[in-house]
Amino acid sequence: MGNASAAVMIAVDNDAAAAGQSPEDWRQNLRMVEAVLFASAEPLASEEIAGRLPEGVDIAGLLHELQATYADRGVHLVQVAGKWSFRTAGDLSFLLARDAVEQRRLSRAALETLAIVAYHQPVTRADIEEIRGVATSSGTLDVLLECGWLRMRGRRKTPGRPITYGTTEAFLSHFGLESVDDLPGVDELKAAGLLDARIPSGFSVPEPLASEELAPDEDALDEADLLGGGK
């Protein structure tokens, strides 16, 4: 047995002891977690994985050990938007480039709208137009809703009860974010060249509402909204 394999075995035994399990039970549970994740077409939350394993299993410990096991391999175990999945190692993504489906590029209006919703959510169409300074067509919102990056959250408690919009789990997954709290701040945007270094004093990036729960000024959508698409 090589030094690396011996080190892995020792680590497994140590983790098993810490969890109060025999090394054999720990390895079997590790294999089951691995199998469940490989078989799933979608990322899984820890609770979903735990539901398929024996009761009382240390899911957090197993996931972190599996993550360490795959750290130097061609696929990595990653957590995105609070869920776990195997993904191709970033430095090997070029190998799959020829198989990737070419996606339609979003228009500038769509990108601006997406950014506004991401940072200011929950927002209404009127909010988006006020921030952009121009009218926003329903087609722009439709594109972002159809691709699954935006969702209708509720209705604002103001005259006309306009629909409010927010980002989705698919948005977080696509951009590799654990939550909207991980969106880049002022310093990161400046470092990336996306903000002028001479921004006005007092300028700040808004903090989006990360919770799935409705804000105090929002009402829940009714059945007609869900079936008809709101707007």
Protein backbone atom coordinates (compact mmCIF):
# COMPACT_ATOMS: atom_id res chain seq x y z
CA MET A 1 0.00 0.00 0.00
CA GLY A 2 1.39 3.43 -1.00
CA ASN A 3 1.91 6.29 1.41
CA ALA A 4 -1.09 8.21 0.00
CA SER A 5 -3.41 5.21 0.33
CA ALA A 6 -2.19 4.55 3.87
CA ALA A 7 -2.84 8.18 4.80
CA VAL A 8 -6.38 7.96 3.44
CA MET A 9 -7.06 4.78 5.40
CA ILE A 10 -5.76 6.38 8.61
CA ALA A 11 -7.95 9.43 8.03
CA VAL A 12 -10.99 7.21 7.48
CA ASP A 13 -10.29 5.29 10.68
CA ASN A 14 -9.88 8.52 12.64
CA ASP A 15 -13.14 9.96 11.30
CA ALA A 16 -14.96 6.71 12.06
CA ALA A 17 -13.68 6.76 15.63
CA ALA A 18 -14.72 10.40 16.05
CA ALA A 19 -18.24 9.54 14.83
CA GLY A 20 -18.50 6.52 17.11
CA GLN A 21 -18.64 4.07 14.21
CA SER A 22 -16.50 1.17 13.17
CA PRO A 23 -14.16 1.84 10.21
CA GLU A 24 -16.12 -0.70 8.16
CA ASP A 25 -19.47 1.04 8.80
CA TRP A 26 -17.92 4.43 8.04
CA ARG A 27 -16.48 3.23 4.71
CA GLN A 28 -19.81 1.67 3.76
CA ASN A 29 -21.67 4.90 4.56
CA LEU A 30 -19.07 6.82 2.57
CA ARG A 31 -19.68 4.53 -0.42
CA MET A 32 -23.43 5.06 -0.12
CA VAL A 33 -23.10 8.85 -0.07
CA GLU A 34 -20.83 8.64 -3.10
CA ALA A 35 -23.32 6.41 -4.95
CA VAL A 36 -26.29 8.65 -4.16
CA LEU A 37 -24.49 11.76 -5.44
CA PHE A 38 -23.27 10.07 -8.62
CA ALA A 39 -26.74 8.71 -9.40
CA SER A 40 -28.54 12.02 -8.90
CA ALA A 41 -29.19 14.22 -11.92
CA GLU A 42 -29.58 17.25 -9.63
CA PRO A 43 -27.56 18.61 -6.68
CA LEU A 44 -28.75 17.24 -3.34
CA ALA A 45 -29.14 18.89 0.05
CA SER A 46 -27.61 17.19 3.08
CA GLU A 47 -31.10 16.35 4.32
CA GLU A 48 -31.97 14.60 1.06
CA ILE A 49 -28.82 12.48 1.27
CA ALA A 50 -29.44 11.67 4.93
CA GLY A 51 -32.93 10.45 4.03
CA ARG A 52 -31.41 7.64 1.98
CA LEU A 53 -28.86 6.48 4.55
CA PRO A 54 -29.20 4.72 7.91
CA GLU A 55 -30.51 6.91 10.72
CA GLY A 56 -27.92 8.75 12.79
CA VAL A 57 -25.20 8.82 10.13
CA ASP A 58 -22.78 11.79 10.32
CA ILE A 59 -23.66 13.26 6.92
CA ALA A 60 -21.57 16.42 7.38
CA GLY A 61 -18.48 14.39 8.26
CA LEU A 62 -18.98 11.98 5.35
CA LEU A 63 -19.47 14.80 2.85
CA HIS A 64 -16.36 16.65 3.97
CA GLU A 65 -14.29 13.46 3.84
CA LEU A 66 -15.61 12.67 0.37
CA GLN A 67 -14.82 16.26 -0.66
CA ALA A 68 -11.23 15.83 0.54
CA THR A 69 -10.94 12.45 -1.20
CA TYR A 70 -11.87 13.99 -4.56
CA ALA A 71 -9.85 17.20 -4.11
CA ASP A 72 -7.06 16.05 -6.44
CA ARG A 73 -9.19 14.09 -8.90
CA GLY A 74 -10.81 14.91 -12.23
CA VAL A 75 -14.13 15.60 -10.56
CA HIS A 76 -14.68 17.55 -7.35
CA LEU A 77 -17.45 17.39 -4.79
CA VAL A 78 -18.74 20.95 -4.45
CA GLN A 79 -21.45 22.70 -2.48
CA VAL A 80 -23.43 25.28 -4.40
CA ALA A 81 -26.64 26.97 -3.26
CA GLY A 82 -26.63 24.75 -0.17
CA LYS A 83 -26.61 21.51 -2.17
CA TRP A 84 -23.92 18.99 -3.09
CA SER A 85 -22.90 17.61 -6.49
CA PHE A 86 -19.91 16.28 -8.40
CA ARG A 87 -18.49 18.65 -11.01
CA THR A 88 -15.58 18.52 -13.42
CA ALA A 89 -12.41 20.02 -11.93
CA GLY A 90 -12.09 23.62 -13.09
CA ASP A 91 -8.66 23.14 -14.68
CA LEU A 92 -10.03 20.31 -16.85
CA SER A 93 -13.10 22.08 -18.21
CA PHE A 94 -11.34 22.54 -21.57
CA LEU A 95 -11.70 18.80 -22.17
CA LEU A 96 -15.46 19.17 -22.37
CA ALA A 97 -15.52 22.35 -24.45
CA ARG A 98 -16.30 20.56 -27.70
CA ASP A 99 -19.32 18.86 -26.13
CA ALA A 100 -20.80 22.00 -24.64
CA VAL A 101 -24.00 23.33 -26.19
CA GLU A 102 -23.49 26.90 -27.37
CA GLN A 103 -25.84 29.12 -25.40
CA ARG A 104 -27.53 32.22 -26.77
CA ARG A 105 -25.89 35.35 -25.42
CA LEU A 106 -28.06 37.53 -23.22
CA SER A 107 -28.71 41.06 -24.45
CA ARG A 108 -27.25 44.00 -22.58
CA ALA A 109 -30.74 44.83 -21.31
CA ALA A 110 -31.15 41.30 -19.96
CA LEU A 111 -27.74 41.36 -18.25
CA GLU A 112 -28.47 44.74 -16.67
CA THR A 113 -31.89 43.52 -15.52
CA LEU A 114 -30.39 40.34 -14.05
CA ALA A 115 -27.76 42.34 -12.16
CA ILE A 116 -30.36 44.76 -10.79
CA VAL A 117 -32.61 41.95 -9.58
CA ALA A 118 -29.66 40.08 -8.05
CA TYR A 119 -28.49 43.07 -6.00
CA HIS A 120 -31.81 44.79 -5.26
CA GLN A 121 -34.25 41.88 -4.86
CA PRO A 122 -37.10 41.86 -4.27
CA VAL A 123 -37.79 44.37 -7.06
CA THR A 124 -40.67 45.23 -9.36
CA ARG A 125 -40.48 46.07 -13.04
CA ALA A 126 -40.90 49.75 -12.12
CA ASP A 127 -37.92 49.47 -9.73
CA ILE A 128 -35.81 47.99 -12.51
CA GLU A 129 -36.80 50.77 -14.93
CA GLU A 130 -36.03 53.45 -12.34
CA ILE A 131 -32.54 52.05 -11.73
CA ARG A 132 -31.77 51.47 -15.44
CA GLY A 133 -33.26 54.81 -16.46
CA VAL A 134 -35.06 53.24 -19.44
CA ALA A 135 -38.17 51.14 -20.00
CA THR A 136 -37.79 47.39 -19.59
CA SER A 137 -39.74 45.24 -22.02
CA SER A 138 -41.71 42.27 -20.78
CA GLY A 139 -39.68 40.19 -23.24
CA THR A 140 -36.49 40.87 -21.27
CA LEU A 141 -38.03 39.55 -18.07
CA ASP A 142 -39.57 36.62 -19.97
CA VAL A 143 -36.13 35.50 -21.20
CA LEU A 144 -34.71 35.52 -17.67
CA LEU A 145 -37.77 33.73 -16.28
CA GLU A 146 -37.65 31.08 -19.03
CA CYS A 147 -33.97 30.34 -18.48
CA GLY A 148 -34.75 29.84 -14.80
CA TRP A 149 -32.53 32.58 -13.35
CA LEU A 150 -35.39 34.78 -12.15
CA ARG A 151 -38.63 33.94 -10.41
CA MET A 152 -41.75 35.80 -9.38
CA ARG A 153 -41.57 36.23 -5.60
CA GLY A 154 -44.86 37.91 -4.71
CA ARG A 155 -46.78 41.16 -5.10
CA ARG A 156 -45.74 44.50 -3.62
CA LYS A 157 -48.20 45.96 -1.13
CA THR A 158 -48.61 49.17 -3.12
CA PRO A 159 -51.30 50.44 -5.51
CA GLY A 160 -51.55 48.12 -8.47
CA ARG A 161 -49.85 45.32 -6.47
CA PRO A 162 -46.98 44.86 -8.96
CA ILE A 163 -45.13 41.54 -9.17
CA THR A 164 -41.79 41.35 -7.34
CA TYR A 165 -38.85 39.41 -8.78
CA GLY A 166 -35.88 37.59 -7.27
CA THR A 167 -33.14 35.20 -8.31
CA THR A 168 -33.38 31.40 -8.20
CA GLU A 169 -31.33 28.43 -7.07
CA ALA A 170 -30.45 27.88 -10.76
CA PHE A 171 -28.91 31.39 -10.82
CA LEU A 172 -26.77 30.57 -7.78
CA SER A 173 -25.74 27.22 -9.26
CA HIS A 174 -24.77 28.71 -12.62
CA PHE A 175 -22.58 31.40 -11.07
CA GLY A 176 -21.17 29.13 -8.35
CA LEU A 177 -22.65 31.04 -5.43
CA GLU A 178 -23.65 29.58 -2.07
CA SER A 179 -26.16 32.43 -1.61
CA VAL A 180 -26.72 35.97 -2.86
CA ASP A 181 -24.62 37.08 0.11
CA ASP A 182 -21.64 35.84 -1.93
CA LEU A 183 -22.22 38.35 -4.74
CA PRO A 184 -19.12 40.56 -5.17
CA GLY A 185 -18.98 43.76 -3.15
CA VAL A 186 -17.54 47.17 -4.03
CA ASP A 187 -13.88 46.19 -3.60
CA GLU A 188 -14.27 43.03 -5.67
CA LEU A 189 -16.13 44.86 -8.44
CA LYS A 190 -13.43 47.54 -8.55
CA ALA A 191 -10.69 44.91 -8.67
CA ALA A 192 -12.44 43.24 -11.61
CA GLY A 193 -12.62 46.57 -13.46
CA LEU A 194 -16.41 46.66 -13.29
CA LEU A 195 -16.52 49.85 -11.21
CA ASP A 196 -14.66 53.11 -11.73
CA ALA A 197 -11.91 53.48 -9.14
CA ARG A 198 -13.15 57.04 -8.55
CA ILE A 199 -16.66 56.19 -7.43
CA PRO A 200 -18.55 58.86 -5.42
CA SER A 201 -17.98 58.92 -1.67
CA GLY A 202 -20.64 57.07 0.22
CA PHE A 203 -21.34 54.76 -2.72
CA SER A 204 -22.34 51.27 -1.60
CA VAL A 205 -23.58 48.06 -3.15
CA PRO A 206 -27.07 47.16 -1.91
CA GLU A 207 -27.59 44.04 0.15
CA PRO A 208 -30.15 41.75 -1.55
CA LEU A 209 -32.72 39.83 0.45
CA ALA A 210 -31.26 36.34 0.72
CA SER A 211 -34.26 34.77 2.43
CA GLU A 212 -36.88 32.82 0.50
CA GLU A 213 -39.50 34.29 2.83
CA LEU A 214 -41.59 37.23 1.67
CA ALA A 215 -40.51 40.72 2.71
CA PRO A 216 -42.85 42.75 4.96
CA ASP A 217 -44.03 44.74 1.92
CA GLU A 218 -44.81 41.63 -0.17
CA ASP A 219 -47.96 39.52 -0.48
CA ALA A 220 -47.92 35.91 -1.64
CA LEU A 221 -48.73 35.13 -5.26
CA ASP A 222 -52.19 33.70 -5.89
CA GLU A 223 -53.05 30.78 -8.14
CA ALA A 224 -53.84 33.04 -11.10
CA ASP A 225 -50.35 34.56 -10.89
CA LEU A 226 -48.70 31.15 -10.89
CA LEU A 227 -50.75 29.85 -13.81
CA GLY A 228 -50.79 33.00 -15.87
CA GLY A 229 -47.26 34.26 -15.35
CA GLY A 230 -48.16 37.46 -13.52
CA LYS A 231 -46.33 40.52 -14.94
